[in-house]
PDB file of N, CA and C in Angstrom:
ATOM      1  N   MET A   1      11.179 -44.953  -4.826  1.00  0.00           N
ATOM      2  CA  MET A   1      11.336 -45.410  -6.185  1.00  0.00           C
ATOM      3  C   MET A   1      12.695 -46.067  -6.318  1.00  0.00           C
ATOM      4  N   ASP A   2      12.665 -47.332  -6.526  1.00  0.00           N
ATOM      5  CA  ASP A   2      13.897 -48.096  -6.596  1.00  0.00           C
ATOM      6  C   ASP A   2      14.523 -48.045  -7.986  1.00  0.00           C
ATOM      7  N   PHE A   3      13.720 -47.694  -8.995  1.00  0.00           N
ATOM      8  CA  PHE A   3      14.211 -47.751 -10.367  1.00  0.00           C
ATOM      9  C   PHE A   3      14.913 -46.464 -10.793  1.00  0.00           C
ATOM     10  N   PHE A   4      14.452 -45.334 -10.278  1.00  0.00           N
ATOM     11  CA  PHE A   4      15.014 -44.054 -10.730  1.00  0.00           C
ATOM     12  C   PHE A   4      15.805 -43.403  -9.629  1.00  0.00           C
ATOM     13  N   PRO A   5      16.970 -42.920  -9.796  1.00  0.00           N
ATOM     14  CA  PRO A   5      17.723 -42.854 -11.045  1.00  0.00           C
ATOM     15  C   PRO A   5      18.255 -44.221 -11.457  1.00  0.00           C
ATOM     16  N   PRO A   6      18.494 -44.404 -12.760  1.00  0.00           N
ATOM     17  CA  PRO A   6      18.965 -45.710 -13.235  1.00  0.00           C
ATOM     18  C   PRO A   6      20.280 -46.110 -12.563  1.00  0.00           C
ATOM     19  N   GLN A   7      20.349 -47.357 -12.138  1.00  0.00           N
ATOM     20  CA  GLN A   7      21.523 -47.851 -11.420  1.00  0.00           C
ATOM     21  C   GLN A   7      22.552 -48.486 -12.341  1.00  0.00           C
ATOM     22  N   SER A   8      22.139 -48.839 -13.553  1.00  0.00           N
ATOM     23  CA  SER A   8      23.071 -49.476 -14.484  1.00  0.00           C
ATOM     24  C   SER A   8      22.757 -49.004 -15.898  1.00  0.00           C
ATOM     25  N   PHE A   9      23.632 -49.377 -16.814  1.00  0.00           N
ATOM     26  CA  PHE A   9      23.446 -48.978 -18.206  1.00  0.00           C
ATOM     27  C   PHE A   9      22.197 -49.623 -18.798  1.00  0.00           C
ATOM     28  N   SER A  10      21.907 -50.857 -18.410  1.00  0.00           N
ATOM     29  CA  SER A  10      20.710 -51.519 -18.936  1.00  0.00           C
ATOM     30  C   SER A  10      19.447 -50.826 -18.433  1.00  0.00           C
ATOM     31  N   ASP A  11      19.465 -50.346 -17.186  1.00  0.00           N
ATOM     32  CA  ASP A  11      18.324 -49.573 -16.691  1.00  0.00           C
ATOM     33  C   ASP A  11      18.146 -48.295 -17.494  1.00  0.00           C
ATOM     34  N   LEU A  12      19.248 -47.666 -17.858  1.00  0.00           N
ATOM     35  CA  LEU A  12      19.181 -46.447 -18.652  1.00  0.00           C
ATOM     36  C   LEU A  12      18.606 -46.736 -20.036  1.00  0.00           C
ATOM     37  N   LEU A  13      19.031 -47.840 -20.650  1.00  0.00           N
ATOM     38  CA  LEU A  13      18.492 -48.211 -21.957  1.00  0.00           C
ATOM     39  C   LEU A  13      17.000 -48.510 -21.876  1.00  0.00           C
ATOM     40  N   ILE A  14      16.581 -49.183 -20.819  1.00  0.00           N
ATOM     41  CA  ILE A  14      15.154 -49.468 -20.634  1.00  0.00           C
ATOM     42  C   ILE A  14      14.380 -48.167 -20.475  1.00  0.00           C
ATOM     43  N   PHE A  15      14.925 -47.236 -19.714  1.00  0.00           N
ATOM     44  CA  PHE A  15      14.273 -45.942 -19.510  1.00  0.00           C
ATOM     45  C   PHE A  15      14.085 -45.217 -20.843  1.00  0.00           C
ATOM     46  N   PHE A  16      15.147 -45.162 -21.667  1.00  0.00           N
ATOM     47  CA  PHE A  16      15.035 -44.491 -22.958  1.00  0.00           C
ATOM     48  C   PHE A  16      14.075 -45.222 -23.887  1.00  0.00           C
ATOM     49  N   ALA A  17      14.070 -46.546 -23.855  1.00  0.00           N
ATOM     50  CA  ALA A  17      13.142 -47.305 -24.691  1.00  0.00           C
ATOM     51  C   ALA A  17      11.701 -47.003 -24.313  1.00  0.00           C
ATOM     52  N   VAL A  18      11.449 -46.914 -23.019  1.00  0.00           N
ATOM     53  CA  VAL A  18      10.089 -46.587 -22.566  1.00  0.00           C
ATOM     54  C   VAL A  18       9.717 -45.173 -22.992  1.00  0.00           C
ATOM     55  N   MET A  19      10.648 -44.235 -22.841  1.00  0.00           N
ATOM     56  CA  MET A  19      10.362 -42.851 -23.225  1.00  0.00           C
ATOM     57  C   MET A  19      10.074 -42.742 -24.717  1.00  0.00           C
ATOM     58  N   ILE A  20      10.886 -43.408 -25.532  1.00  0.00           N
ATOM     59  CA  ILE A  20      10.713 -43.311 -26.982  1.00  0.00           C
ATOM     60  C   ILE A  20       9.526 -44.149 -27.445  1.00  0.00           C
ATOM     61  N   GLY A  21       9.354 -45.307 -26.870  1.00  0.00           N
ATOM     62  CA  GLY A  21       8.320 -46.223 -27.338  1.00  0.00           C
ATOM     63  C   GLY A  21       6.926 -45.932 -26.843  1.00  0.00           C
ATOM     64  N   ILE A  22       6.807 -45.317 -25.682  1.00  0.00           N
ATOM     65  CA  ILE A  22       5.477 -45.110 -25.107  1.00  0.00           C
ATOM     66  C   ILE A  22       5.140 -43.634 -24.982  1.00  0.00           C
ATOM     67  N   VAL A  23       6.025 -42.861 -24.398  1.00  0.00           N
ATOM     68  CA  VAL A  23       5.695 -41.471 -24.085  1.00  0.00           C
ATOM     69  C   VAL A  23       5.631 -40.613 -25.341  1.00  0.00           C
ATOM     70  N   ALA A  24       6.582 -40.761 -26.268  1.00  0.00           N
ATOM     71  CA  ALA A  24       6.591 -39.926 -27.469  1.00  0.00           C
ATOM     72  C   ALA A  24       5.343 -40.150 -28.333  1.00  0.00           C
ATOM     73  N   PRO A  25       4.958 -41.391 -28.644  1.00  0.00           N
ATOM     74  CA  PRO A  25       3.714 -41.568 -29.407  1.00  0.00           C
ATOM     75  C   PRO A  25       2.483 -41.080 -28.649  1.00  0.00           C
ATOM     76  N   LEU A  26       2.486 -41.244 -27.345  1.00  0.00           N
ATOM     77  CA  LEU A  26       1.355 -40.768 -26.553  1.00  0.00           C
ATOM     78  C   LEU A  26       1.228 -39.252 -26.648  1.00  0.00           C
ATOM     79  N   LEU A  27       2.348 -38.546 -26.563  1.00  0.00           N
ATOM     80  CA  LEU A  27       2.311 -37.091 -26.703  1.00  0.00           C
ATOM     81  C   LEU A  27       1.873 -36.680 -28.105  1.00  0.00           C
ATOM     82  N   SER A  28       2.260 -37.435 -29.118  1.00  0.00           N
ATOM     83  CA  SER A  28       1.829 -37.138 -30.481  1.00  0.00           C
ATOM     84  C   SER A  28       0.319 -37.282 -30.617  1.00  0.00           C
ATOM     85  N   VAL A  29      -0.225 -38.349 -30.078  1.00  0.00           N
ATOM     86  CA  VAL A  29      -1.674 -38.562 -30.144  1.00  0.00           C
ATOM     87  C   VAL A  29      -2.405 -37.467 -29.377  1.00  0.00           C
ATOM     88  N   ILE A  30      -1.899 -37.101 -28.219  1.00  0.00           N
ATOM     89  CA  ILE A  30      -2.520 -36.026 -27.437  1.00  0.00           C
ATOM     90  C   ILE A  30      -2.486 -34.718 -28.224  1.00  0.00           C
ATOM     91  N   GLY A  31      -1.376 -34.431 -28.903  1.00  0.00           N
ATOM     92  CA  GLY A  31      -1.283 -33.217 -29.716  1.00  0.00           C
ATOM     93  C   GLY A  31      -2.292 -33.205 -30.840  1.00  0.00           C
ATOM     94  N   VAL A  32      -2.473 -34.342 -31.510  1.00  0.00           N
ATOM     95  CA  VAL A  32      -3.460 -34.421 -32.591  1.00  0.00           C
ATOM     96  C   VAL A  32      -4.862 -34.212 -32.044  1.00  0.00           C
ATOM     97  N   LEU A  33      -5.175 -34.841 -30.922  1.00  0.00           N
ATOM     98  CA  LEU A  33      -6.511 -34.687 -30.344  1.00  0.00           C
ATOM     99  C   LEU A  33      -6.775 -33.247 -29.915  1.00  0.00           C
ATOM    100  N   ILE A  34      -5.784 -32.599 -29.318  1.00  0.00           N
ATOM    101  CA  ILE A  34      -5.966 -31.204 -28.907  1.00  0.00           C
ATOM    102  C   ILE A  34      -6.151 -30.315 -30.128  1.00  0.00           C
ATOM    103  N   SER A  35      -5.384 -30.548 -31.201  1.00  0.00           N
ATOM    104  CA  SER A  35      -5.536 -29.709 -32.391  1.00  0.00           C
ATOM    105  C   SER A  35      -6.903 -29.909 -33.036  1.00  0.00           C
ATOM    106  N   ARG A  36      -7.386 -31.149 -33.079  1.00  0.00           N
ATOM    107  CA  ARG A  36      -8.727 -31.378 -33.638  1.00  0.00           C
ATOM    108  C   ARG A  36      -9.796 -30.737 -32.764  1.00  0.00           C
ATOM    109  N   TRP A  37      -9.623 -30.797 -31.458  1.00  0.00           N
ATOM    110  CA  TRP A  37     -10.579 -30.162 -30.557  1.00  0.00           C
ATOM    111  C   TRP A  37     -10.581 -28.650 -30.760  1.00  0.00           C
ATOM    112  N   LEU A  38      -9.383 -28.072 -30.925  1.00  0.00           N
ATOM    113  CA  LEU A  38      -9.312 -26.629 -31.152  1.00  0.00           C
ATOM    114  C   LEU A  38      -9.997 -26.237 -32.453  1.00  0.00           C
ATOM    115  N   TRP A  39      -9.831 -27.046 -33.501  1.00  0.00           N
ATOM    116  CA  TRP A  39     -10.477 -26.720 -34.769  1.00  0.00           C
ATOM    117  C   TRP A  39     -11.994 -26.764 -34.645  1.00  0.00           C
ATOM    118  N   THR A  40     -12.533 -27.571 -33.736  1.00  0.00           N
ATOM    119  CA  THR A  40     -13.990 -27.614 -33.570  1.00  0.00           C
ATOM    120  C   THR A  40     -14.493 -26.524 -32.643  1.00  0.00           C
ATOM    121  N   VAL A  41     -13.688 -26.076 -31.689  1.00  0.00           N
ATOM    122  CA  VAL A  41     -14.136 -25.108 -30.689  1.00  0.00           C
ATOM    123  C   VAL A  41     -13.895 -23.671 -31.136  1.00  0.00           C
ATOM    124  N   VAL A  42     -12.707 -23.400 -31.645  1.00  0.00           N
ATOM    125  CA  VAL A  42     -12.331 -22.030 -31.997  1.00  0.00           C
ATOM    126  C   VAL A  42     -12.878 -21.709 -33.386  1.00  0.00           C
ATOM    127  N   PRO A  43     -13.405 -20.503 -33.587  1.00  0.00           N
ATOM    128  CA  PRO A  43     -13.925 -20.130 -34.910  1.00  0.00           C
ATOM    129  C   PRO A  43     -12.851 -20.255 -35.995  1.00  0.00           C
ATOM    130  N   ALA A  44     -13.278 -20.632 -37.202  1.00  0.00           N
ATOM    131  CA  ALA A  44     -12.347 -20.923 -38.298  1.00  0.00           C
ATOM    132  C   ALA A  44     -11.437 -19.749 -38.667  1.00  0.00           C
ATOM    133  N   PRO A  45     -11.938 -18.508 -38.774  1.00  0.00           N
ATOM    134  CA  PRO A  45     -11.020 -17.417 -39.140  1.00  0.00           C
ATOM    135  C   PRO A  45      -9.888 -17.229 -38.123  1.00  0.00           C
ATOM    136  N   LYS A  46     -10.203 -17.423 -36.852  1.00  0.00           N
ATOM    137  CA  LYS A  46      -9.174 -17.268 -35.823  1.00  0.00           C
ATOM    138  C   LYS A  46      -8.131 -18.382 -35.940  1.00  0.00           C
ATOM    139  N   MET A  47      -8.574 -19.602 -36.186  1.00  0.00           N
ATOM    140  CA  MET A  47      -7.634 -20.711 -36.354  1.00  0.00           C
ATOM    141  C   MET A  47      -6.783 -20.515 -37.605  1.00  0.00           C
ATOM    142  N   GLN A  48      -7.415 -19.989 -38.677  1.00  0.00           N
ATOM    143  CA  GLN A  48      -6.657 -19.741 -39.899  1.00  0.00           C
ATOM    144  C   GLN A  48      -5.595 -18.673 -39.665  1.00  0.00           C
ATOM    145  N   ALA A  49      -5.939 -17.656 -38.880  1.00  0.00           N
ATOM    146  CA  ALA A  49      -4.963 -16.610 -38.557  1.00  0.00           C
ATOM    147  C   ALA A  49      -3.803 -17.191 -37.744  1.00  0.00           C
ATOM    148  N   MET A  50      -4.120 -18.088 -36.799  1.00  0.00           N
ATOM    149  CA  MET A  50      -3.059 -18.724 -36.015  1.00  0.00           C
ATOM    150  C   MET A  50      -2.166 -19.585 -36.906  1.00  0.00           C
ATOM    151  N   ALA A  51      -2.776 -20.334 -37.833  1.00  0.00           N
ATOM    152  CA  ALA A  51      -2.000 -21.183 -38.741  1.00  0.00           C
ATOM    153  C   ALA A  51      -1.109 -20.334 -39.644  1.00  0.00           C
ATOM    154  N   ASP A  52      -1.634 -19.207 -40.128  1.00  0.00           N
ATOM    155  CA  ASP A  52      -0.825 -18.318 -40.969  1.00  0.00           C
ATOM    156  C   ASP A  52       0.346 -17.739 -40.185  1.00  0.00           C
ATOM    157  N   ARG A  53       0.112 -17.369 -38.928  1.00  0.00           N
ATOM    158  CA  ARG A  53       1.175 -16.826 -38.088  1.00  0.00           C
ATOM    159  C   ARG A  53       2.263 -17.879 -37.859  1.00  0.00           C
ATOM    160  N   MET A  54       1.846 -19.115 -37.601  1.00  0.00           N
ATOM    161  CA  MET A  54       2.822 -20.189 -37.400  1.00  0.00           C
ATOM    162  C   MET A  54       3.609 -20.459 -38.684  1.00  0.00           C
ATOM    163  N   ALA A  55       2.945 -20.367 -39.846  1.00  0.00           N
ATOM    164  CA  ALA A  55       3.637 -20.576 -41.115  1.00  0.00           C
ATOM    165  C   ALA A  55       4.663 -19.474 -41.360  1.00  0.00           C
ATOM    166  N   ARG A  56       4.330 -18.235 -41.004  1.00  0.00           N
ATOM    167  CA  ARG A  56       5.293 -17.139 -41.164  1.00  0.00           C
ATOM    168  C   ARG A  56       6.507 -17.356 -40.270  1.00  0.00           C
ATOM    169  N   ILE A  57       6.270 -17.806 -39.037  1.00  0.00           N
ATOM    170  CA  ILE A  57       7.387 -18.088 -38.129  1.00  0.00           C
ATOM    171  C   ILE A  57       8.255 -19.202 -38.710  1.00  0.00           C
ATOM    172  N   ARG A  58       7.611 -20.259 -39.207  1.00  0.00           N
ATOM    173  CA  ARG A  58       8.355 -21.375 -39.802  1.00  0.00           C
ATOM    174  C   ARG A  58       9.185 -20.898 -40.989  1.00  0.00           C
ATOM    175  N   ASP A  59       8.582 -20.080 -41.862  1.00  0.00           N
ATOM    176  CA  ASP A  59       9.301 -19.603 -43.042  1.00  0.00           C
ATOM    177  C   ASP A  59      10.461 -18.689 -42.675  1.00  0.00           C
ATOM    178  N   ALA A  60      10.385 -18.033 -41.527  1.00  0.00           N
ATOM    179  CA  ALA A  60      11.481 -17.168 -41.095  1.00  0.00           C
ATOM    180  C   ALA A  60      12.601 -17.973 -40.447  1.00  0.00           C
ATOM    181  N   VAL A  61      12.259 -19.062 -39.776  1.00  0.00           N
ATOM    182  CA  VAL A  61      13.246 -19.813 -38.996  1.00  0.00           C
ATOM    183  C   VAL A  61      13.957 -20.877 -39.831  1.00  0.00           C
ATOM    184  N   VAL A  62      13.245 -21.553 -40.710  1.00  0.00           N
ATOM    185  CA  VAL A  62      13.807 -22.706 -41.423  1.00  0.00           C
ATOM    186  C   VAL A  62      15.035 -22.350 -42.261  1.00  0.00           C
ATOM    187  N   PRO A  63      15.032 -21.277 -43.058  1.00  0.00           N
ATOM    188  CA  PRO A  63      16.250 -20.993 -43.840  1.00  0.00           C
ATOM    189  C   PRO A  63      17.478 -20.746 -42.963  1.00  0.00           C
ATOM    190  N   GLU A  64      17.296 -20.059 -41.844  1.00  0.00           N
ATOM    191  CA  GLU A  64      18.422 -19.788 -40.954  1.00  0.00           C
ATOM    192  C   GLU A  64      18.965 -21.077 -40.345  1.00  0.00           C
ATOM    193  N   VAL A  65      18.068 -21.953 -39.927  1.00  0.00           N
ATOM    194  CA  VAL A  65      18.498 -23.228 -39.345  1.00  0.00           C
ATOM    195  C   VAL A  65      19.207 -24.079 -40.400  1.00  0.00           C
ATOM    196  N   ALA A  66      18.663 -24.108 -41.617  1.00  0.00           N
ATOM    197  CA  ALA A  66      19.298 -24.883 -42.685  1.00  0.00           C
ATOM    198  C   ALA A  66      20.693 -24.344 -42.978  1.00  0.00           C
ATOM    199  N   ASN A  67      20.836 -23.026 -43.001  1.00  0.00           N
ATOM    200  CA  ASN A  67      22.151 -22.429 -43.240  1.00  0.00           C
ATOM    201  C   ASN A  67      23.121 -22.802 -42.122  1.00  0.00           C
ATOM    202  N   ASN A  68      22.658 -22.739 -40.876  1.00  0.00           N
ATOM    203  CA  ASN A  68      23.515 -23.110 -39.745  1.00  0.00           C
ATOM    204  C   ASN A  68      23.945 -24.570 -39.829  1.00  0.00           C
ATOM    205  N   LEU A  69      23.036 -25.448 -40.258  1.00  0.00           N
ATOM    206  CA  LEU A  69      23.388 -26.861 -40.392  1.00  0.00           C
ATOM    207  C   LEU A  69      24.453 -27.067 -41.466  1.00  0.00           C
ATOM    208  N   LEU A  70      24.329 -26.343 -42.578  1.00  0.00           N
ATOM    209  CA  LEU A  70      25.324 -26.479 -43.640  1.00  0.00           C
ATOM    210  C   LEU A  70      26.687 -25.966 -43.189  1.00  0.00           C
ATOM    211  N   VAL A  71      26.702 -24.848 -42.472  1.00  0.00           N
ATOM    212  CA  VAL A  71      27.965 -24.303 -41.966  1.00  0.00           C
ATOM    213  C   VAL A  71      28.598 -25.282 -40.982  1.00  0.00           C
ATOM    214  N   MET A  72      27.793 -25.838 -40.089  1.00  0.00           N
ATOM    215  CA  MET A  72      28.309 -26.797 -39.113  1.00  0.00           C
ATOM    216  C   MET A  72      28.848 -28.046 -39.812  1.00  0.00           C
ATOM    217  N   SER A  73      28.164 -28.492 -40.854  1.00  0.00           N
ATOM    218  CA  SER A  73      28.631 -29.655 -41.602  1.00  0.00           C
ATOM    219  C   SER A  73      29.989 -29.380 -42.240  1.00  0.00           C
ATOM    220  N   ASP A  74      30.153 -28.192 -42.817  1.00  0.00           N
ATOM    221  CA  ASP A  74      31.450 -27.842 -43.408  1.00  0.00           C
ATOM    222  C   ASP A  74      32.546 -27.806 -42.352  1.00  0.00           C
ATOM    223  N   ARG A  75      32.254 -27.240 -41.192  1.00  0.00           N
ATOM    224  CA  ARG A  75      33.258 -27.176 -40.119  1.00  0.00           C
ATOM    225  C   ARG A  75      33.657 -28.576 -39.649  1.00  0.00           C
ATOM    226  N   LEU A  76      32.663 -29.443 -39.475  1.00  0.00           N
ATOM    227  CA  LEU A  76      32.970 -30.804 -39.030  1.00  0.00           C
ATOM    228  C   LEU A  76      33.777 -31.558 -40.081  1.00  0.00           C
ATOM    229  N   GLU A  77      33.462 -31.322 -41.340  1.00  0.00           N
ATOM    230  CA  GLU A  77      34.219 -31.990 -42.399  1.00  0.00           C
ATOM    231  C   GLU A  77      35.673 -31.523 -42.390  1.00  0.00           C
ATOM    232  N   ARG A  78      35.886 -30.220 -42.190  1.00  0.00           N
ATOM    233  CA  ARG A  78      37.258 -29.712 -42.122  1.00  0.00           C
ATOM    234  C   ARG A  78      37.995 -30.288 -40.916  1.00  0.00           C
ATOM    235  N   GLN A  79      37.308 -30.429 -39.795  1.00  0.00           N
ATOM    236  CA  GLN A  79      37.954 -30.987 -38.606  1.00  0.00           C
ATOM    237  C   GLN A  79      38.316 -32.450 -38.803  1.00  0.00           C
ATOM    238  N   SER A  80      37.486 -33.184 -39.505  1.00  0.00           N
ATOM    239  CA  SER A  80      37.785 -34.606 -39.697  1.00  0.00           C
ATOM    240  C   SER A  80      39.005 -34.793 -40.586  1.00  0.00           C
ATOM    241  N   ARG A  81      39.323 -33.786 -41.419  1.00  0.00           N
ATOM    242  CA  ARG A  81      40.492 -33.880 -42.292  1.00  0.00           C
ATOM    243  C   ARG A  81      41.703 -33.178 -41.694  1.00  0.00           C
ATOM    244  N   TRP A  82      41.607 -32.657 -40.487  1.00  0.00           N
ATOM    245  CA  TRP A  82      42.628 -31.794 -39.923  1.00  0.00           C
ATOM    246  C   TRP A  82      44.042 -32.386 -39.913  1.00  0.00           C
ATOM    247  N   PRO A  83      44.247 -33.624 -39.473  1.00  0.00           N
ATOM    248  CA  PRO A  83      45.636 -34.102 -39.400  1.00  0.00           C
ATOM    249  C   PRO A  83      46.297 -34.205 -40.769  1.00  0.00           C
ATOM    250  N   PHE A  84      45.496 -34.266 -41.816  1.00  0.00           N
ATOM    251  CA  PHE A  84      46.051 -34.456 -43.154  1.00  0.00           C
ATOM    252  C   PHE A  84      46.146 -33.138 -43.912  1.00  0.00           C
ATOM    253  N   ASN A  85      46.026 -32.012 -43.197  1.00  0.00           N
ATOM    254  CA  ASN A  85      46.181 -30.681 -43.779  1.00  0.00           C
ATOM    255  C   ASN A  85      45.244 -30.431 -44.953  1.00  0.00           C
ATOM    256  N   GLY A  86      44.040 -30.914 -44.835  1.00  0.00           N
ATOM    257  CA  GLY A  86      43.032 -30.622 -45.847  1.00  0.00           C
ATOM    258  C   GLY A  86      43.127 -31.453 -47.105  1.00  0.00           C
ATOM    259  N   ARG A  87      43.992 -32.475 -47.113  1.00  0.00           N
ATOM    260  CA  ARG A  87      44.062 -33.314 -48.310  1.00  0.00           C
ATOM    261  C   ARG A  87      42.783 -34.121 -48.433  1.00  0.00           C
ATOM    262  N   LYS A  88      42.327 -34.298 -49.648  1.00  0.00           N
ATOM    263  CA  LYS A  88      41.150 -35.131 -49.887  1.00  0.00           C
ATOM    264  C   LYS A  88      41.538 -36.593 -49.753  1.00  0.00           C
ATOM    265  N   ARG A  89      40.646 -37.359 -49.183  1.00  0.00           N
ATOM    266  CA  ARG A  89      40.895 -38.796 -49.069  1.00  0.00           C
ATOM    267  C   ARG A  89      40.636 -39.451 -50.412  1.00  0.00           C
ATOM    268  N   PRO A  90      41.411 -40.488 -50.738  1.00  0.00           N
ATOM    269  CA  PRO A  90      41.204 -41.145 -52.051  1.00  0.00           C
ATOM    270  C   PRO A  90      39.910 -41.925 -52.089  1.00  0.00           C
TER     271      PRO A  90
END
């Protein structure tokens, strides 16, 4: 394989463009097809139980992640003002 690993920055950009432009949408379509197939194969009560379990996990994780993002944002804001001893910019 002459292309991988990338030999230059332009090769790296092409690699990322291919990954984002082709592979990511392809994986999304595959995920949708698998989920639709599961809804037709697996009995509805079992799928509903799985969906409820995933929703409970989401509801437990999202507030913690949001809080961590807000804390990180505050820390980064304080660091960006560090040389000026916390003075607000005009």
